[in-house]
Amino acid sequence: MLIKRFAHSCFLLQSEGGTRILTDPCDPATGYNVGPVEADCVTESHQHHDHNYTAAAKGRDVKVISAPGEYTVGDVKINGIPCWHDEMQGAKRGGNIIFVFEMDGLRLAHMGDIGHLPDEATLKAMGHIDILLIPVGGIYTVDYKQALEIAYAIAPKVVIPMHYAADKLAFELGELAPFLENAKNCAIHRMRQSEAVITRESLGSNRIIVLDCAV
């Protein structure tokens, strides 16, 4: 599985079979110009401009998934699980979708802009997770303390943080550093690049992988 971070919460996930999924593409108003990116599918965790810029994707018959449910795109299975963008069941910021991708024998969860600790039913619906993409910057999502609590509850092999303060970002978010500094019993890998290839053989355990923005 190829995981490429474009910016913010936008990643390209590519299977060994060549299926390309673009997650939560952000529009240029965020400070990042993502696209055009060749993709078979775009997933949107919610309808805010920094997560639903489908114009970033190009290709023939690009499938857009913006609702909970089970889907298949090429050799990738996708399960969208509803939750909330805030701690008040959506009263402040509306809903959010956690997307779980089954690809190349691995299960990856993109938490979108989750704003609360998931309950047992949500964790059960997610199932076993190998790779967790989670927001850590707070303000509009869970903060670094809650992100760590979620990570400990899900217990993935690899965590990739997202949705935190960055040089080009046009609005304020919390920094990445507190998340890394407070993570316990794990190895931190700063890749100094925007992408990583992860297989079942290279998955490892108790790892945090920090990916740079590609744009």
N, C-alpha and C. Protein backbone atom coordinates (compact mmCIF):
# COMPACT_ATOMS: atom_id res chain seq x y z
N MET A 1 0.84 -1.19 0.00
CA MET A 1 0.00 0.00 0.00
C MET A 1 0.88 1.25 0.00
N LEU A 2 0.60 2.13 -0.96
CA LEU A 2 1.26 3.43 -0.98
C LEU A 2 0.38 4.44 -0.26
N ILE A 3 0.96 5.18 0.67
CA ILE A 3 0.26 6.25 1.38
C ILE A 3 1.02 7.54 1.10
N LYS A 4 0.37 8.48 0.43
CA LYS A 4 1.00 9.76 0.11
C LYS A 4 0.17 10.87 0.73
N ARG A 5 0.81 11.71 1.52
CA ARG A 5 0.11 12.84 2.15
C ARG A 5 0.29 14.08 1.29
N PHE A 6 -0.81 14.60 0.78
CA PHE A 6 -0.74 15.84 0.02
C PHE A 6 -0.73 17.04 0.95
N ALA A 7 -1.67 17.12 1.87
CA ALA A 7 -1.74 18.23 2.82
C ALA A 7 -2.90 17.97 3.78
N HIS A 8 -2.79 18.54 4.98
CA HIS A 8 -3.91 18.57 5.91
C HIS A 8 -4.40 17.14 6.18
N SER A 9 -5.59 16.77 5.72
CA SER A 9 -6.11 15.41 5.88
C SER A 9 -6.25 14.70 4.55
N CYS A 10 -5.62 15.25 3.53
CA CYS A 10 -5.73 14.70 2.18
C CYS A 10 -4.58 13.74 1.89
N PHE A 11 -4.94 12.48 1.64
CA PHE A 11 -3.97 11.44 1.33
C PHE A 11 -4.38 10.73 0.05
N LEU A 12 -3.40 10.23 -0.66
CA LEU A 12 -3.64 9.29 -1.75
C LEU A 12 -3.27 7.90 -1.24
N LEU A 13 -4.22 6.97 -1.33
CA LEU A 13 -3.98 5.57 -0.98
C LEU A 13 -4.01 4.77 -2.26
N GLN A 14 -2.95 4.04 -2.54
CA GLN A 14 -2.89 3.26 -3.78
C GLN A 14 -2.57 1.82 -3.47
N SER A 15 -3.40 0.93 -3.99
CA SER A 15 -3.20 -0.50 -3.77
C SER A 15 -2.17 -1.05 -4.74
N GLU A 16 -1.70 -2.26 -4.44
CA GLU A 16 -0.77 -2.93 -5.34
C GLU A 16 -1.40 -3.18 -6.70
N GLY A 17 -2.73 -3.30 -6.73
CA GLY A 17 -3.44 -3.49 -7.98
C GLY A 17 -3.68 -2.21 -8.75
N GLY A 18 -3.29 -1.07 -8.18
CA GLY A 18 -3.38 0.20 -8.89
C GLY A 18 -4.59 1.05 -8.58
N THR A 19 -5.49 0.61 -7.69
CA THR A 19 -6.64 1.42 -7.32
C THR A 19 -6.18 2.61 -6.48
N ARG A 20 -6.67 3.80 -6.84
CA ARG A 20 -6.22 5.03 -6.20
C ARG A 20 -7.40 5.73 -5.53
N ILE A 21 -7.27 5.94 -4.21
CA ILE A 21 -8.30 6.59 -3.42
C ILE A 21 -7.74 7.91 -2.89
N LEU A 22 -8.45 9.01 -3.12
CA LEU A 22 -8.06 10.32 -2.59
C LEU A 22 -8.98 10.66 -1.44
N THR A 23 -8.41 10.90 -0.26
CA THR A 23 -9.21 11.17 0.93
C THR A 23 -9.24 12.66 1.25
N ASP A 24 -10.41 13.16 1.60
CA ASP A 24 -10.60 14.51 2.14
C ASP A 24 -9.76 15.58 1.44
N PRO A 25 -9.89 15.75 0.13
CA PRO A 25 -9.10 16.79 -0.56
C PRO A 25 -9.49 18.19 -0.10
N CYS A 26 -8.50 19.03 0.14
CA CYS A 26 -8.75 20.39 0.64
C CYS A 26 -8.68 21.39 -0.51
N ASP A 27 -9.48 22.46 -0.41
CA ASP A 27 -9.51 23.43 -1.50
C ASP A 27 -8.38 24.44 -1.35
N PRO A 28 -8.08 25.22 -2.40
CA PRO A 28 -6.95 26.15 -2.35
C PRO A 28 -7.05 27.21 -1.26
N ALA A 29 -8.27 27.49 -0.77
CA ALA A 29 -8.43 28.48 0.29
C ALA A 29 -7.74 28.06 1.58
N THR A 30 -7.41 26.79 1.72
CA THR A 30 -6.70 26.32 2.91
C THR A 30 -5.23 26.72 2.88
N GLY A 31 -4.74 27.14 1.71
CA GLY A 31 -3.33 27.43 1.55
C GLY A 31 -2.59 26.38 0.76
N TYR A 32 -3.29 25.29 0.44
CA TYR A 32 -2.67 24.19 -0.31
C TYR A 32 -3.43 23.95 -1.61
N ASN A 33 -2.69 23.84 -2.69
CA ASN A 33 -3.29 23.59 -4.00
C ASN A 33 -3.08 22.12 -4.35
N VAL A 34 -4.05 21.30 -3.97
CA VAL A 34 -3.98 19.86 -4.22
C VAL A 34 -4.61 19.55 -5.57
N GLY A 35 -3.90 18.86 -6.41
CA GLY A 35 -4.49 18.45 -7.68
C GLY A 35 -3.89 19.17 -8.87
N PRO A 36 -4.22 18.64 -10.05
CA PRO A 36 -5.07 17.47 -10.25
C PRO A 36 -4.35 16.17 -9.90
N VAL A 37 -5.07 15.26 -9.27
CA VAL A 37 -4.53 13.98 -8.83
C VAL A 37 -5.34 12.87 -9.50
N GLU A 38 -4.66 11.96 -10.18
CA GLU A 38 -5.33 10.82 -10.78
C GLU A 38 -5.92 9.94 -9.67
N ALA A 39 -7.22 9.70 -9.74
CA ALA A 39 -7.88 8.92 -8.70
C ALA A 39 -9.07 8.17 -9.28
N ASP A 40 -9.36 7.03 -8.67
CA ASP A 40 -10.56 6.27 -9.02
C ASP A 40 -11.73 6.64 -8.12
N CYS A 41 -11.40 7.18 -6.94
CA CYS A 41 -12.43 7.44 -5.94
C CYS A 41 -11.97 8.57 -5.02
N VAL A 42 -12.92 9.37 -4.57
CA VAL A 42 -12.68 10.38 -3.54
C VAL A 42 -13.60 10.07 -2.36
N THR A 43 -13.05 10.08 -1.15
CA THR A 43 -13.88 9.97 0.05
C THR A 43 -13.89 11.30 0.77
N GLU A 44 -15.08 11.68 1.25
CA GLU A 44 -15.26 12.94 1.98
C GLU A 44 -15.83 12.61 3.36
N SER A 45 -15.10 12.96 4.40
CA SER A 45 -15.58 12.66 5.74
C SER A 45 -16.71 13.59 6.16
N HIS A 46 -16.77 14.78 5.57
CA HIS A 46 -17.84 15.74 5.85
C HIS A 46 -17.75 16.87 4.83
N GLN A 47 -18.75 17.74 4.86
CA GLN A 47 -18.86 18.75 3.82
C GLN A 47 -18.34 20.12 4.26
N HIS A 48 -17.09 20.18 4.65
CA HIS A 48 -16.39 21.44 4.89
C HIS A 48 -15.33 21.60 3.81
N HIS A 49 -15.04 22.86 3.46
CA HIS A 49 -14.22 23.13 2.27
C HIS A 49 -12.82 22.53 2.33
N ASP A 50 -12.33 22.28 3.53
CA ASP A 50 -10.98 21.71 3.65
C ASP A 50 -10.98 20.18 3.61
N HIS A 51 -12.14 19.61 3.23
CA HIS A 51 -12.24 18.15 3.17
C HIS A 51 -13.05 17.63 1.99
N ASN A 52 -13.58 18.51 1.14
CA ASN A 52 -14.50 18.03 0.10
C ASN A 52 -14.26 18.64 -1.27
N TYR A 53 -13.01 18.99 -1.56
CA TYR A 53 -12.69 19.63 -2.84
C TYR A 53 -12.47 18.55 -3.90
N THR A 54 -13.57 18.03 -4.43
CA THR A 54 -13.48 16.92 -5.37
C THR A 54 -12.84 17.32 -6.69
N ALA A 55 -12.76 18.63 -6.97
CA ALA A 55 -12.11 19.09 -8.19
C ALA A 55 -10.63 18.74 -8.21
N ALA A 56 -10.08 18.35 -7.06
CA ALA A 56 -8.66 17.96 -7.01
C ALA A 56 -8.42 16.63 -7.70
N ALA A 57 -9.47 15.84 -7.88
CA ALA A 57 -9.32 14.51 -8.48
C ALA A 57 -9.63 14.56 -9.96
N LYS A 58 -8.84 13.84 -10.74
CA LYS A 58 -9.14 13.71 -12.16
C LYS A 58 -9.10 12.23 -12.54
N GLY A 59 -9.85 11.90 -13.56
CA GLY A 59 -9.92 10.52 -14.02
C GLY A 59 -11.27 10.26 -14.65
N ARG A 60 -11.41 9.11 -15.23
CA ARG A 60 -12.68 8.74 -15.86
C ARG A 60 -13.61 8.14 -14.81
N ASP A 61 -14.79 8.73 -14.70
CA ASP A 61 -15.82 8.20 -13.78
C ASP A 61 -15.29 8.09 -12.35
N VAL A 62 -14.73 9.18 -11.83
CA VAL A 62 -14.26 9.19 -10.44
C VAL A 62 -15.47 9.04 -9.51
N LYS A 63 -15.41 8.05 -8.65
CA LYS A 63 -16.51 7.79 -7.70
C LYS A 63 -16.31 8.65 -6.46
N VAL A 64 -17.34 9.37 -6.05
CA VAL A 64 -17.29 10.19 -4.84
C VAL A 64 -18.13 9.51 -3.76
N ILE A 65 -17.51 9.26 -2.62
CA ILE A 65 -18.20 8.63 -1.50
C ILE A 65 -18.27 9.63 -0.36
N SER A 66 -19.48 10.02 0.01
CA SER A 66 -19.67 11.03 1.04
C SER A 66 -20.77 10.64 2.02
N ALA A 67 -21.07 9.36 2.10
CA ALA A 67 -22.09 8.86 3.01
C ALA A 67 -21.62 7.56 3.64
N PRO A 68 -22.11 7.26 4.85
CA PRO A 68 -21.77 5.97 5.46
C PRO A 68 -22.26 4.81 4.61
N GLY A 69 -21.63 3.67 4.78
CA GLY A 69 -22.04 2.48 4.05
C GLY A 69 -20.85 1.68 3.59
N GLU A 70 -21.13 0.57 2.91
CA GLU A 70 -20.08 -0.31 2.41
C GLU A 70 -19.97 -0.18 0.90
N TYR A 71 -18.74 -0.09 0.43
CA TYR A 71 -18.47 0.15 -0.99
C TYR A 71 -17.30 -0.72 -1.43
N THR A 72 -17.21 -0.94 -2.73
CA THR A 72 -16.05 -1.58 -3.33
C THR A 72 -15.61 -0.76 -4.52
N VAL A 73 -14.33 -0.41 -4.54
CA VAL A 73 -13.75 0.32 -5.67
C VAL A 73 -12.51 -0.46 -6.11
N GLY A 74 -12.55 -1.04 -7.30
CA GLY A 74 -11.44 -1.87 -7.73
C GLY A 74 -11.21 -3.00 -6.75
N ASP A 75 -9.97 -3.11 -6.27
CA ASP A 75 -9.64 -4.16 -5.31
C ASP A 75 -9.66 -3.66 -3.87
N VAL A 76 -10.34 -2.54 -3.63
CA VAL A 76 -10.39 -1.94 -2.30
C VAL A 76 -11.81 -1.97 -1.75
N LYS A 77 -11.97 -2.47 -0.53
CA LYS A 77 -13.25 -2.41 0.17
C LYS A 77 -13.24 -1.22 1.12
N ILE A 78 -14.36 -0.51 1.17
CA ILE A 78 -14.46 0.71 1.97
C ILE A 78 -15.70 0.62 2.85
N ASN A 79 -15.54 0.96 4.12
CA ASN A 79 -16.68 1.00 5.05
C ASN A 79 -16.72 2.37 5.70
N GLY A 80 -17.81 3.11 5.47
CA GLY A 80 -17.98 4.42 6.08
C GLY A 80 -18.83 4.31 7.33
N ILE A 81 -18.30 4.78 8.45
CA ILE A 81 -18.94 4.63 9.75
C ILE A 81 -19.27 6.01 10.29
N PRO A 82 -20.54 6.30 10.60
CA PRO A 82 -20.91 7.65 11.05
C PRO A 82 -20.46 7.94 12.47
N CYS A 83 -20.06 9.18 12.69
CA CYS A 83 -19.77 9.68 14.03
C CYS A 83 -20.02 11.18 13.99
N TRP A 84 -19.32 11.96 14.84
CA TRP A 84 -19.61 13.39 14.94
C TRP A 84 -18.34 14.22 14.82
N HIS A 85 -18.55 15.46 14.36
CA HIS A 85 -17.45 16.42 14.20
C HIS A 85 -17.16 17.15 15.51
N ASP A 86 -17.97 16.93 16.52
CA ASP A 86 -17.82 17.63 17.79
C ASP A 86 -18.24 16.70 18.92
N GLU A 87 -18.16 17.21 20.14
CA GLU A 87 -18.50 16.42 21.32
C GLU A 87 -19.97 16.55 21.70
N MET A 88 -20.77 17.22 20.86
CA MET A 88 -22.19 17.47 21.16
C MET A 88 -23.10 16.81 20.12
N GLN A 89 -22.68 15.66 19.62
CA GLN A 89 -23.46 14.89 18.65
C GLN A 89 -23.85 15.72 17.43
N GLY A 90 -22.90 16.53 16.98
CA GLY A 90 -23.08 17.30 15.76
C GLY A 90 -23.74 18.65 15.93
N ALA A 91 -24.10 19.03 17.13
CA ALA A 91 -24.79 20.31 17.34
C ALA A 91 -23.93 21.50 16.95
N LYS A 92 -22.62 21.37 17.06
CA LYS A 92 -21.72 22.48 16.74
C LYS A 92 -21.21 22.43 15.30
N ARG A 93 -20.84 21.24 14.83
CA ARG A 93 -20.18 21.15 13.52
C ARG A 93 -20.74 20.05 12.61
N GLY A 94 -21.75 19.35 13.05
CA GLY A 94 -22.36 18.35 12.18
C GLY A 94 -21.72 16.98 12.29
N GLY A 95 -21.99 16.17 11.29
CA GLY A 95 -21.52 14.80 11.30
C GLY A 95 -20.14 14.62 10.71
N ASN A 96 -19.62 13.43 10.86
CA ASN A 96 -18.31 13.04 10.33
C ASN A 96 -18.38 11.55 9.99
N ILE A 97 -17.56 11.15 9.05
CA ILE A 97 -17.51 9.74 8.67
C ILE A 97 -16.10 9.22 8.83
N ILE A 98 -15.96 8.12 9.55
CA ILE A 98 -14.71 7.37 9.61
C ILE A 98 -14.72 6.41 8.43
N PHE A 99 -13.68 6.43 7.63
CA PHE A 99 -13.60 5.49 6.51
C PHE A 99 -12.54 4.43 6.81
N VAL A 100 -12.94 3.17 6.73
CA VAL A 100 -12.02 2.05 6.90
C VAL A 100 -11.80 1.42 5.52
N PHE A 101 -10.54 1.34 5.13
CA PHE A 101 -10.17 0.80 3.82
C PHE A 101 -9.48 -0.54 4.00
N GLU A 102 -9.93 -1.55 3.27
CA GLU A 102 -9.25 -2.85 3.22
C GLU A 102 -8.51 -2.93 1.90
N MET A 103 -7.18 -3.03 2.00
CA MET A 103 -6.33 -2.92 0.82
C MET A 103 -5.05 -3.71 1.05
N ASP A 104 -4.71 -4.59 0.13
CA ASP A 104 -3.45 -5.33 0.18
C ASP A 104 -3.26 -6.09 1.50
N GLY A 105 -4.36 -6.61 2.04
CA GLY A 105 -4.27 -7.37 3.28
C GLY A 105 -4.11 -6.52 4.52
N LEU A 106 -4.29 -5.21 4.40
CA LEU A 106 -4.19 -4.29 5.52
C LEU A 106 -5.50 -3.54 5.69
N ARG A 107 -5.74 -3.06 6.91
CA ARG A 107 -6.93 -2.26 7.21
C ARG A 107 -6.49 -0.90 7.73
N LEU A 108 -6.87 0.13 7.01
CA LEU A 108 -6.49 1.51 7.34
C LEU A 108 -7.74 2.31 7.67
N ALA A 109 -7.70 3.07 8.75
CA ALA A 109 -8.82 3.94 9.13
C ALA A 109 -8.41 5.40 9.01
N HIS A 110 -9.21 6.16 8.26
CA HIS A 110 -9.07 7.62 8.18
C HIS A 110 -10.19 8.20 9.03
N MET A 111 -9.83 8.90 10.11
CA MET A 111 -10.81 9.33 11.09
C MET A 111 -11.52 10.62 10.72
N GLY A 112 -11.15 11.24 9.58
CA GLY A 112 -11.79 12.49 9.20
C GLY A 112 -11.58 13.55 10.26
N ASP A 113 -12.62 14.32 10.53
CA ASP A 113 -12.55 15.36 11.56
C ASP A 113 -13.30 14.92 12.81
N ILE A 114 -13.01 13.74 13.29
CA ILE A 114 -13.69 13.26 14.49
C ILE A 114 -13.47 14.25 15.64
N GLY A 115 -14.56 14.54 16.37
CA GLY A 115 -14.48 15.54 17.42
C GLY A 115 -14.78 15.02 18.79
N HIS A 116 -14.77 13.70 18.98
CA HIS A 116 -15.14 13.10 20.25
C HIS A 116 -14.48 11.74 20.37
N LEU A 117 -14.52 11.17 21.56
CA LEU A 117 -14.02 9.82 21.75
C LEU A 117 -15.07 8.83 21.23
N PRO A 118 -14.70 7.92 20.35
CA PRO A 118 -15.68 6.98 19.80
C PRO A 118 -16.19 6.02 20.87
N ASP A 119 -17.48 5.68 20.77
CA ASP A 119 -18.04 4.74 21.73
C ASP A 119 -17.73 3.30 21.31
N GLU A 120 -18.15 2.37 22.15
CA GLU A 120 -17.83 0.96 21.89
C GLU A 120 -18.45 0.47 20.59
N ALA A 121 -19.64 0.95 20.27
CA ALA A 121 -20.30 0.51 19.03
C ALA A 121 -19.50 0.96 17.81
N THR A 122 -18.96 2.16 17.87
CA THR A 122 -18.15 2.66 16.75
C THR A 122 -16.86 1.88 16.63
N LEU A 123 -16.21 1.63 17.75
CA LEU A 123 -14.97 0.85 17.72
C LEU A 123 -15.23 -0.56 17.19
N LYS A 124 -16.35 -1.15 17.58
CA LYS A 124 -16.69 -2.48 17.10
C LYS A 124 -16.94 -2.46 15.59
N ALA A 125 -17.62 -1.42 15.11
CA ALA A 125 -17.89 -1.31 13.68
C ALA A 125 -16.61 -1.14 12.88
N MET A 126 -15.62 -0.47 13.47
CA MET A 126 -14.34 -0.28 12.79
C MET A 126 -13.58 -1.60 12.69
N GLY A 127 -13.65 -2.41 13.71
CA GLY A 127 -12.91 -3.67 13.71
C GLY A 127 -11.42 -3.46 13.88
N HIS A 128 -10.67 -4.50 13.56
CA HIS A 128 -9.22 -4.44 13.67
C HIS A 128 -8.65 -3.42 12.69
N ILE A 129 -7.76 -2.57 13.18
CA ILE A 129 -7.13 -1.54 12.35
C ILE A 129 -5.61 -1.69 12.42
N ASP A 130 -4.97 -1.74 11.26
CA ASP A 130 -3.51 -1.80 11.20
C ASP A 130 -2.88 -0.42 11.17
N ILE A 131 -3.50 0.50 10.42
CA ILE A 131 -2.93 1.84 10.20
C ILE A 131 -4.01 2.86 10.52
N LEU A 132 -3.69 3.83 11.37
CA LEU A 132 -4.66 4.83 11.81
C LEU A 132 -4.20 6.22 11.40
N LEU A 133 -5.04 6.92 10.62
CA LEU A 133 -4.82 8.32 10.26
C LEU A 133 -5.75 9.15 11.13
N ILE A 134 -5.19 10.00 11.99
CA ILE A 134 -6.01 10.66 13.00
C ILE A 134 -5.64 12.13 13.16
N PRO A 135 -6.66 13.01 13.30
CA PRO A 135 -6.37 14.43 13.55
C PRO A 135 -5.83 14.62 14.96
N VAL A 136 -4.88 15.55 15.11
CA VAL A 136 -4.26 15.75 16.42
C VAL A 136 -4.22 17.22 16.83
N GLY A 137 -4.67 18.13 15.97
CA GLY A 137 -4.48 19.56 16.19
C GLY A 137 -5.54 20.27 16.99
N GLY A 138 -6.61 19.57 17.39
CA GLY A 138 -7.63 20.20 18.21
C GLY A 138 -8.36 21.34 17.51
N ILE A 139 -8.99 22.18 18.30
CA ILE A 139 -9.80 23.35 17.89
C ILE A 139 -11.08 22.88 17.18
N TYR A 140 -10.94 22.21 16.05
CA TYR A 140 -12.10 21.73 15.30
C TYR A 140 -12.29 20.22 15.41
N THR A 141 -11.34 19.54 16.02
CA THR A 141 -11.36 18.08 16.14
C THR A 141 -10.90 17.70 17.54
N VAL A 142 -10.70 16.42 17.77
CA VAL A 142 -10.05 16.00 19.01
C VAL A 142 -8.67 16.63 19.11
N ASP A 143 -8.23 16.87 20.33
CA ASP A 143 -6.88 17.41 20.53
C ASP A 143 -5.89 16.26 20.67
N TYR A 144 -4.63 16.59 20.94
CA TYR A 144 -3.61 15.55 20.97
C TYR A 144 -3.85 14.53 22.08
N LYS A 145 -4.38 14.98 23.23
CA LYS A 145 -4.64 14.05 24.33
C LYS A 145 -5.73 13.06 23.94
N GLN A 146 -6.81 13.57 23.36
CA GLN A 146 -7.89 12.68 22.92
C GLN A 146 -7.44 11.78 21.78
N ALA A 147 -6.62 12.32 20.88
CA ALA A 147 -6.10 11.51 19.77
C ALA A 147 -5.29 10.34 20.30
N LEU A 148 -4.47 10.59 21.31
CA LEU A 148 -3.70 9.51 21.91
C LEU A 148 -4.61 8.49 22.58
N GLU A 149 -5.65 8.97 23.25
CA GLU A 149 -6.59 8.06 23.90
C GLU A 149 -7.28 7.17 22.87
N ILE A 150 -7.66 7.76 21.75
CA ILE A 150 -8.29 6.99 20.67
C ILE A 150 -7.30 5.97 20.11
N ALA A 151 -6.07 6.40 19.90
CA ALA A 151 -5.06 5.50 19.36
C ALA A 151 -4.82 4.32 20.29
N TYR A 152 -4.77 4.58 21.60
CA TYR A 152 -4.57 3.48 22.54
C TYR A 152 -5.76 2.53 22.53
N ALA A 153 -6.97 3.06 22.35
CA ALA A 153 -8.17 2.22 22.33
C ALA A 153 -8.22 1.35 21.08
N ILE A 154 -7.82 1.90 19.93
CA ILE A 154 -7.86 1.16 18.67
C ILE A 154 -6.67 0.22 18.54
N ALA A 155 -5.52 0.63 19.09
CA ALA A 155 -4.30 -0.18 19.10
C ALA A 155 -3.84 -0.61 17.71
N PRO A 156 -3.65 0.34 16.79
CA PRO A 156 -3.12 -0.01 15.47
C PRO A 156 -1.63 -0.29 15.56
N LYS A 157 -1.07 -0.83 14.50
CA LYS A 157 0.38 -1.02 14.43
C LYS A 157 1.08 0.30 14.11
N VAL A 158 0.43 1.12 13.27
CA VAL A 158 1.02 2.38 12.80
C VAL A 158 -0.01 3.49 12.96
N VAL A 159 0.45 4.64 13.45
CA VAL A 159 -0.37 5.85 13.52
C VAL A 159 0.28 6.92 12.64
N ILE A 160 -0.53 7.57 11.81
CA ILE A 160 -0.06 8.69 11.00
C ILE A 160 -0.89 9.91 11.39
N PRO A 161 -0.28 10.91 12.04
CA PRO A 161 -1.04 12.09 12.44
C PRO A 161 -1.36 13.00 11.26
N MET A 162 -2.47 13.74 11.39
CA MET A 162 -2.90 14.67 10.34
C MET A 162 -3.65 15.82 11.00
N HIS A 163 -4.02 16.83 10.20
CA HIS A 163 -4.88 17.92 10.65
C HIS A 163 -4.26 18.65 11.85
N TYR A 164 -3.07 19.19 11.62
CA TYR A 164 -2.37 19.97 12.65
C TYR A 164 -1.73 21.19 11.99
N ALA A 165 -1.18 22.08 12.78
CA ALA A 165 -0.62 23.34 12.28
C ALA A 165 0.47 23.07 11.24
N ALA A 166 0.47 23.88 10.19
CA ALA A 166 1.46 23.75 9.12
C ALA A 166 1.75 25.12 8.54
N ASP A 167 2.92 25.25 7.93
CA ASP A 167 3.38 26.56 7.45
C ASP A 167 2.40 27.24 6.52
N LYS A 168 1.84 26.51 5.57
CA LYS A 168 0.98 27.12 4.56
C LYS A 168 -0.49 27.19 4.98
N LEU A 169 -0.85 26.50 6.05
CA LEU A 169 -2.26 26.40 6.42
C LEU A 169 -2.83 27.77 6.76
N ALA A 170 -4.00 28.07 6.21
CA ALA A 170 -4.57 29.42 6.31
C ALA A 170 -5.36 29.65 7.60
N PHE A 171 -5.47 28.64 8.47
CA PHE A 171 -6.17 28.84 9.73
C PHE A 171 -5.41 28.13 10.85
N GLU A 172 -5.77 28.46 12.06
CA GLU A 172 -5.02 28.00 13.23
C GLU A 172 -5.42 26.59 13.65
N LEU A 173 -4.41 25.79 13.93
CA LEU A 173 -4.59 24.48 14.55
C LEU A 173 -3.47 24.27 15.56
N GLY A 174 -3.64 23.32 16.45
CA GLY A 174 -2.58 22.98 17.38
C GLY A 174 -1.41 22.31 16.68
N GLU A 175 -0.26 22.38 17.32
CA GLU A 175 0.97 21.83 16.75
C GLU A 175 1.01 20.30 16.87
N LEU A 176 1.87 19.70 16.06
CA LEU A 176 2.09 18.26 16.11
C LEU A 176 2.89 17.84 17.33
N ALA A 177 3.81 18.69 17.78
CA ALA A 177 4.78 18.31 18.80
C ALA A 177 4.17 17.70 20.06
N PRO A 178 3.11 18.27 20.66
CA PRO A 178 2.58 17.66 21.88
C PRO A 178 2.12 16.22 21.70
N PHE A 179 1.58 15.90 20.54
CA PHE A 179 1.17 14.52 20.26
C PHE A 179 2.37 13.59 20.30
N LEU A 180 3.43 13.99 19.64
CA LEU A 180 4.63 13.14 19.59
C LEU A 180 5.30 13.05 20.96
N GLU A 181 5.35 14.17 21.66
CA GLU A 181 6.05 14.20 22.95
C GLU A 181 5.34 13.38 24.03
N ASN A 182 4.03 13.22 23.89
CA ASN A 182 3.26 12.51 24.91
C ASN A 182 2.92 11.08 24.53
N ALA A 183 3.30 10.66 23.34
CA ALA A 183 3.07 9.27 22.93
C ALA A 183 4.00 8.34 23.72
N LYS A 184 3.47 7.25 24.21
CA LYS A 184 4.23 6.33 25.05
C LYS A 184 4.53 5.02 24.32
N ASN A 185 5.71 4.50 24.60
CA ASN A 185 6.09 3.15 24.15
C ASN A 185 5.93 2.95 22.65
N CYS A 186 6.43 3.90 21.89
CA CYS A 186 6.36 3.76 20.44
C CYS A 186 7.58 4.41 19.80
N ALA A 187 7.86 3.99 18.58
CA ALA A 187 8.96 4.58 17.80
C ALA A 187 8.37 5.63 16.87
N ILE A 188 9.06 6.76 16.77
CA ILE A 188 8.61 7.86 15.92
C ILE A 188 9.52 7.94 14.70
N HIS A 189 8.91 7.84 13.53
CA HIS A 189 9.66 7.88 12.28
C HIS A 189 9.28 9.15 11.51
N ARG A 190 10.18 10.11 11.45
CA ARG A 190 9.97 11.30 10.62
C ARG A 190 10.54 10.99 9.25
N MET A 191 9.66 10.83 8.29
CA MET A 191 10.08 10.32 6.99
C MET A 191 10.84 11.34 6.15
N ARG A 192 10.65 12.64 6.42
CA ARG A 192 11.27 13.71 5.62
C ARG A 192 10.85 13.60 4.16
N GLN A 193 9.69 13.03 3.93
CA GLN A 193 9.11 12.94 2.60
C GLN A 193 7.61 12.77 2.76
N SER A 194 6.89 12.79 1.65
CA SER A 194 5.43 12.82 1.73
C SER A 194 4.78 11.45 1.63
N GLU A 195 5.54 10.40 1.38
CA GLU A 195 4.91 9.11 1.15
C GLU A 195 5.66 7.96 1.81
N ALA A 196 4.91 6.89 2.01
CA ALA A 196 5.48 5.66 2.56
C ALA A 196 4.77 4.47 1.92
N VAL A 197 5.51 3.41 1.70
CA VAL A 197 4.94 2.15 1.23
C VAL A 197 4.93 1.19 2.41
N ILE A 198 3.75 0.70 2.75
CA ILE A 198 3.61 -0.20 3.90
C ILE A 198 2.98 -1.50 3.42
N THR A 199 3.62 -2.60 3.77
CA THR A 199 3.10 -3.93 3.48
C THR A 199 2.91 -4.68 4.79
N ARG A 200 2.31 -5.85 4.72
CA ARG A 200 2.17 -6.65 5.94
C ARG A 200 3.53 -6.99 6.51
N GLU A 201 4.51 -7.19 5.63
CA GLU A 201 5.85 -7.56 6.08
C GLU A 201 6.58 -6.38 6.73
N SER A 202 6.30 -5.16 6.27
CA SER A 202 7.02 -3.99 6.79
C SER A 202 6.22 -3.21 7.82
N LEU A 203 5.03 -3.71 8.18
CA LEU A 203 4.12 -2.98 9.05
C LEU A 203 4.74 -2.65 10.39
N GLY A 204 5.38 -3.62 11.01
CA GLY A 204 5.96 -3.40 12.33
C GLY A 204 4.87 -3.24 13.38
N SER A 205 5.21 -2.55 14.48
CA SER A 205 4.23 -2.30 15.53
C SER A 205 4.66 -1.11 16.37
N ASN A 206 3.68 -0.48 17.02
CA ASN A 206 3.94 0.66 17.91
C ASN A 206 4.78 1.73 17.23
N ARG A 207 4.33 2.14 16.05
CA ARG A 207 5.06 3.14 15.27
C ARG A 207 4.18 4.35 14.98
N ILE A 208 4.78 5.53 15.05
CA ILE A 208 4.17 6.75 14.54
C ILE A 208 4.99 7.19 13.33
N ILE A 209 4.33 7.36 12.20
CA ILE A 209 5.00 7.81 10.98
C ILE A 209 4.53 9.22 10.67
N VAL A 210 5.47 10.15 10.58
CA VAL A 210 5.16 11.54 10.26
C VAL A 210 5.50 11.78 8.79
N LEU A 211 4.49 12.13 8.01
CA LEU A 211 4.69 12.41 6.59
C LEU A 211 4.62 13.91 6.34
N ASP A 212 5.53 14.41 5.52
CA ASP A 212 5.49 15.80 5.10
C ASP A 212 4.35 16.01 4.11
N CYS A 213 3.99 17.27 3.89
CA CYS A 213 3.02 17.60 2.85
C CYS A 213 3.71 17.58 1.49
N ALA A 214 3.00 17.07 0.49
CA ALA A 214 3.58 16.98 -0.86
C ALA A 214 3.46 18.29 -1.62
N VAL A 215 2.57 19.19 -1.17
CA VAL A 215 2.36 20.45 -1.89
C VAL A 215 2.60 21.63 -0.96
